[in-house]
Each structure stands twice: as C-alpha cells, then as structure tokens.
Amino acid sequence: MTQVTRKQLVMIKGTKSGLVLRLDDQCAYSELMSELEQKVRDEALEGTTEIQLHLGNRYCTDEQVKELINCVQKSPHLRVTKVQSDVIRVEECNRLIKENQSETYVGIVRSGQVVKADGDLVIIGDVNPNGKAIANGNIFVLGRLKGIAHAGAGGNRDSVIAASWLEATHLMIADKVETMTDELTVLSERPEMECAYIHRNGFIAIDRLQELRILRPNLSTFKGGS
C-alpha cells in the first residue's frame, strides 16, 4: 500500500542571519497555525535565533500577522525580525501609484507659496526666495530654484532635485538638510543644469545633471529606442 507523504506547510531555511520560515499560502489558515506551533516547539529551533516569516501570496490581516509572530515568539529563544508578503493592500497600492506619478506646475512659485506633490514634481518656472517645493518623489525645476526644495519628503533617500539654475537657500532630501553655503553657491554659478542628491557619504551633494544617469540609473523608465 502506497503511503501518501503529507505536504509540509512550513518550510525552514537557514541563512547567515538566522532562519527563514516559508509559510504555505494555499492551505487553510488554521492548518498553517497548527503546523507552525509544532515547528517552533521543535528542539532543532532552540537557541537565540532571528526569524523571518515569508507569507508568499497569502493575505493576512494585522491580527493574523500578530498571531503568527506571537506563535513563533512563544519560545523565548526565537525573535521575529521581519515579515515579508508578496501581497500589497489597496491602500499601499494607491500610495505607490501616487508616488510614481508626476505632477506639473506651470508658473512662478512666489515668496511664501508652497507647491506639493505626492510623487514627482515638475515646475516650469522659477521658485523665488522663500517659495517652497515639496514632493515625495523627485523635484525638477525648469527655471531658477532660488527658494526651498524638499524631495523625498516621505523618506525616499534616492530622490533628487534638479534645476536649470540651482541657487536654493535650502535643499532637503528625505531627512537630510543642506543650507547653501558660499562654497555650494559657487557650484550653482555654472551655466548648466545641476542636480542634488544624497551622496554615499550621507551628505547632500551637487553635480552636473548629465551625471544623473550614473548616479540614479533606476530613475529612467523609458523602454525601447535605438
């Protein structure tokens, strides 16, 4: 008589930083919880170990994620450091769509005026002193940037600020702030477009716009061409 091998619902994989538990995304949630409780009681898992939970295509509510974490952490030697899912919620999807969109403002951003965008912001005109441009994505000014620009306002440190004439009083990218000193304004006196970005040293740097394709190769979404 042929014995049917039961499918494992929790696959364990060792890594340099700990263990990865890949949870089956097709079975019933109750069956998954039952096997997970059994696996974390296994003596082979004893010891101070960091755990990553991979949910695959299974959608879990916040309560279920907490339940999975608590199940693993019933053992005082196990700690969940990351929960990874291939499923995103509608709210997260809408946020990503907004962040990848660009909005265009045509005109002068005057003193005291604030122009904001959920994604990239393109300004066709000047940003006057004390005018402010804020975007969760990148900021591109086709004109003189003489005011304040804050790119990556939502925390994206890969965001950039580019302008035809970069002479801002303050540049901000994510949580980094740079006050334009005399040394930096000398760079802005060159008659060519420039960009500001967070250098690998952790500070905001200014360079020729032509270098942007090397500094941020993922910025381009254009496909095709010859």
Protein backbone atom coordinates (compact mmCIF):
# COMPACT_ATOMS: atom_id res chain seq x y z
CA MET A 1 0.00 0.00 0.00
CA THR A 2 1.45 3.35 -1.05
CA GLN A 3 1.85 5.88 1.75
CA VAL A 4 0.98 9.46 0.83
CA THR A 5 3.56 11.95 2.03
CA ARG A 6 1.92 14.93 3.71
CA LYS A 7 2.89 18.31 2.25
CA GLN A 8 4.91 20.49 4.59
CA LEU A 9 3.15 23.77 5.26
CA VAL A 10 6.14 25.42 6.95
CA MET A 11 9.48 25.19 5.16
CA ILE A 12 12.59 26.11 7.14
CA LYS A 13 15.69 27.53 5.50
CA GLY A 14 18.87 28.58 7.28
CA THR A 15 20.66 31.84 6.43
CA LYS A 16 23.65 33.72 7.81
CA SER A 17 21.35 35.99 9.79
CA GLY A 18 19.02 33.31 11.15
CA LEU A 19 16.13 31.23 9.84
CA VAL A 20 13.53 31.84 7.16
CA LEU A 21 10.12 30.20 7.64
CA ARG A 22 8.27 29.99 4.32
CA LEU A 23 4.57 29.56 5.05
CA ASP A 24 2.33 27.75 2.57
CA ASP A 25 -0.11 30.23 1.00
CA GLN A 26 -2.66 27.69 -0.30
CA CYS A 27 -3.71 25.78 2.83
CA ALA A 28 -6.26 26.81 5.43
CA TYR A 29 -5.00 29.33 7.98
CA SER A 30 -5.91 27.02 10.86
CA GLU A 31 -3.80 24.19 9.39
CA LEU A 32 -0.89 26.58 8.92
CA MET A 33 -1.08 27.75 12.54
CA SER A 34 -1.19 24.16 13.78
CA GLU A 35 1.98 23.18 11.91
CA LEU A 36 3.76 26.41 12.82
CA GLU A 37 3.12 25.78 16.52
CA GLN A 38 4.57 22.29 16.11
CA LYS A 39 7.66 23.50 14.22
CA VAL A 40 8.60 26.21 16.73
CA ARG A 41 8.44 23.61 19.52
CA ASP A 42 10.98 21.51 17.65
CA GLU A 43 14.22 21.15 19.60
CA ALA A 44 16.20 21.93 16.45
CA LEU A 45 14.95 25.51 16.69
CA GLU A 46 16.19 26.08 20.23
CA GLY A 47 18.79 28.78 20.76
CA THR A 48 18.79 32.52 20.22
CA THR A 49 17.67 32.77 16.61
CA GLU A 50 16.29 35.55 14.42
CA ILE A 51 13.29 34.52 12.33
CA GLN A 52 11.96 35.87 9.04
CA LEU A 53 8.39 34.93 8.10
CA HIS A 54 7.61 34.72 4.37
CA LEU A 55 3.86 34.72 3.73
CA GLY A 56 4.04 34.36 -0.06
CA ASN A 57 0.70 35.16 -1.73
CA ARG A 58 -1.32 34.70 1.46
CA TYR A 59 -3.24 37.79 2.58
CA CYS A 60 -3.15 38.19 6.35
CA THR A 61 -4.92 40.78 8.45
CA ASP A 62 -2.95 42.73 11.04
CA GLU A 63 -4.41 40.47 13.72
CA GLN A 64 -3.28 37.32 11.90
CA VAL A 65 0.24 38.70 11.40
CA LYS A 66 0.41 39.42 15.13
CA GLU A 67 -0.85 35.90 15.85
CA LEU A 68 1.86 34.37 13.64
CA ILE A 69 4.56 36.45 15.32
CA ASN A 70 3.28 35.59 18.80
CA CYS A 71 3.18 31.90 17.87
CA VAL A 72 6.88 31.94 16.96
CA GLN A 73 7.90 34.09 19.89
CA LYS A 74 6.29 31.80 22.43
CA SER A 75 9.77 30.35 22.52
CA PRO A 76 11.99 32.76 24.49
CA HIS A 77 14.86 31.89 22.14
CA LEU A 78 13.15 32.95 18.92
CA ARG A 79 12.60 36.51 17.69
CA VAL A 80 10.77 37.58 14.54
CA THR A 81 12.69 40.35 12.82
CA LYS A 82 10.83 40.56 9.51
CA VAL A 83 7.50 39.59 7.96
CA GLN A 84 7.54 39.53 4.15
CA SER A 85 4.50 39.28 1.91
CA ASP A 86 4.03 39.30 -1.87
CA VAL A 87 0.57 40.78 -1.39
CA ILE A 88 0.02 44.53 -1.01
CA ARG A 89 -3.14 46.17 0.26
CA VAL A 90 -5.28 48.56 -1.75
CA GLU A 91 -4.08 51.48 0.39
CA GLU A 92 -0.44 50.58 -0.21
CA CYS A 93 -1.09 50.10 -3.94
CA ASN A 94 -2.74 53.52 -4.18
CA ARG A 95 0.18 55.09 -2.31
CA LEU A 96 2.71 53.55 -4.71
CA ILE A 97 0.70 54.73 -7.72
CA LYS A 98 0.65 58.27 -6.36
CA GLU A 99 4.37 58.24 -5.60
CA ASN A 100 5.18 57.07 -9.14
CA GLN A 101 3.07 59.75 -10.78
CA SER A 102 4.36 63.20 -11.66
CA GLU A 103 2.56 66.50 -11.27
CA THR A 104 3.38 69.62 -13.25
CA TYR A 105 3.13 73.19 -12.04
CA VAL A 106 3.46 75.98 -14.62
CA GLY A 107 4.26 79.43 -13.29
CA ILE A 108 6.34 81.18 -10.66
CA VAL A 109 6.35 79.82 -7.10
CA ARG A 110 6.30 83.12 -5.24
CA SER A 111 7.60 84.00 -1.77
CA GLY A 112 5.52 82.26 0.90
CA GLN A 113 3.87 79.93 -1.62
CA VAL A 114 4.13 76.14 -1.19
CA VAL A 115 3.69 73.68 -4.06
CA LYS A 116 3.33 70.00 -3.10
CA ALA A 117 3.15 66.69 -4.97
CA ASP A 118 2.54 63.09 -3.85
CA GLY A 119 5.01 61.81 -6.47
CA ASP A 120 7.47 63.69 -8.67
CA LEU A 121 7.06 67.45 -9.05
CA VAL A 122 7.90 69.29 -12.28
CA ILE A 123 7.92 73.08 -12.05
CA ILE A 124 8.07 75.03 -15.32
CA GLY A 125 9.12 78.40 -13.98
CA ASP A 126 11.15 79.89 -11.14
CA VAL A 127 10.96 79.18 -7.42
CA ASN A 128 11.52 82.56 -5.79
CA PRO A 129 13.27 83.09 -2.42
CA ASN A 130 11.03 81.82 0.44
CA GLY A 131 8.98 79.86 -2.07
CA LYS A 132 8.86 76.14 -1.31
CA ALA A 133 8.58 72.99 -3.45
CA ILE A 134 7.81 69.71 -1.64
CA ALA A 135 7.49 66.25 -3.20
CA ASN A 136 7.54 62.65 -2.01
CA GLY A 137 9.47 61.89 -5.20
CA ASN A 138 11.89 63.96 -7.26
CA ILE A 139 11.78 67.68 -7.97
CA PHE A 140 12.62 69.09 -11.41
CA VAL A 141 12.65 72.86 -11.86
CA LEU A 142 12.83 74.17 -15.43
CA GLY A 143 13.91 77.58 -14.26
CA ARG A 144 15.72 79.19 -11.33
CA LEU A 145 15.45 77.42 -8.00
CA LYS A 146 16.10 80.25 -5.53
CA GLY A 147 13.86 79.14 -2.68
CA ILE A 148 13.49 75.88 -0.72
CA ALA A 149 13.16 72.40 -2.20
CA HIS A 150 12.34 69.21 -0.27
CA ALA A 151 12.43 66.00 -2.31
CA GLY A 152 11.75 62.54 -0.87
CA ALA A 153 9.60 64.14 1.82
CA GLY A 154 8.14 60.72 2.61
CA GLY A 155 11.58 59.31 3.36
CA ASN A 156 12.90 58.28 -0.08
CA ARG A 157 16.64 58.96 0.14
CA ASP A 158 17.12 58.16 -3.57
CA SER A 159 15.12 61.21 -4.61
CA VAL A 160 16.88 64.04 -6.42
CA ILE A 161 16.46 67.77 -7.00
CA ALA A 162 17.33 69.15 -10.43
CA ALA A 163 17.12 72.71 -11.73
CA SER A 164 18.17 74.79 -14.71
CA TRP A 165 19.81 77.17 -12.27
CA LEU A 166 20.38 75.79 -8.78
CA GLU A 167 20.76 78.59 -6.24
CA ALA A 168 18.39 77.44 -3.49
CA THR A 169 18.63 78.70 0.07
CA HIS A 170 17.87 75.24 1.48
CA LEU A 171 17.94 71.79 -0.08
CA MET A 172 16.26 68.87 1.68
CA ILE A 173 16.18 65.23 0.61
CA ALA A 174 14.38 62.82 2.96
CA ASP A 175 15.79 63.67 6.41
CA LYS A 176 18.91 65.45 5.14
CA VAL A 177 19.14 69.25 5.06
CA GLU A 178 21.76 71.37 3.33
CA THR A 179 21.99 75.13 3.68
CA MET A 180 23.53 76.54 0.53
CA THR A 181 26.90 77.91 1.68
CA ASP A 182 29.21 80.12 -0.36
CA GLU A 183 31.11 77.02 -1.43
CA LEU A 184 27.96 75.39 -2.76
CA THR A 185 26.65 78.55 -4.44
CA VAL A 186 29.90 78.72 -6.42
CA LEU A 187 28.83 75.41 -7.97
CA SER A 188 25.48 76.95 -8.92
CA GLU A 189 27.13 79.77 -10.86
CA ARG A 190 27.98 77.47 -13.76
CA PRO A 191 25.53 78.00 -16.66
CA GLU A 192 24.36 74.38 -16.82
CA MET A 193 21.65 72.30 -15.21
CA GLU A 194 22.59 70.64 -11.94
CA CYS A 195 21.17 68.10 -9.54
CA ALA A 196 21.34 67.48 -5.81
CA TYR A 197 21.30 64.01 -4.29
CA ILE A 198 22.37 62.16 -1.15
CA HIS A 199 25.96 61.03 -1.66
CA ARG A 200 27.12 57.67 -0.33
CA ASN A 201 28.89 59.60 2.45
CA GLY A 202 25.45 60.57 3.78
CA PHE A 203 25.52 64.25 2.82
CA ILE A 204 23.74 66.16 0.07
CA ALA A 205 25.98 66.70 -2.95
CA ILE A 206 25.59 68.74 -6.15
CA ASP A 207 26.69 67.59 -9.58
CA ARG A 208 26.11 68.15 -13.28
CA LEU A 209 22.72 66.93 -14.46
CA GLN A 210 24.45 64.70 -17.01
CA GLU A 211 25.76 62.59 -14.14
CA LEU A 212 22.22 61.71 -13.02
CA ARG A 213 22.01 58.69 -15.33
CA ILE A 214 25.01 57.22 -13.49
CA LEU A 215 24.03 58.38 -10.01
CA ARG A 216 20.40 57.18 -10.26
CA PRO A 217 20.16 54.66 -13.13
CA ASN A 218 16.74 53.47 -11.93
CA LEU A 219 15.28 56.94 -12.45
CA SER A 220 14.68 56.24 -16.14
CA THR A 221 11.53 54.27 -17.04
CA PHE A 222 11.88 54.68 -20.80
CA LYS A 223 11.74 51.43 -22.78
CA GLY A 224 12.88 50.91 -26.36
CA GLY A 225 14.70 53.36 -28.60
CA SER A 226 17.63 52.78 -30.86
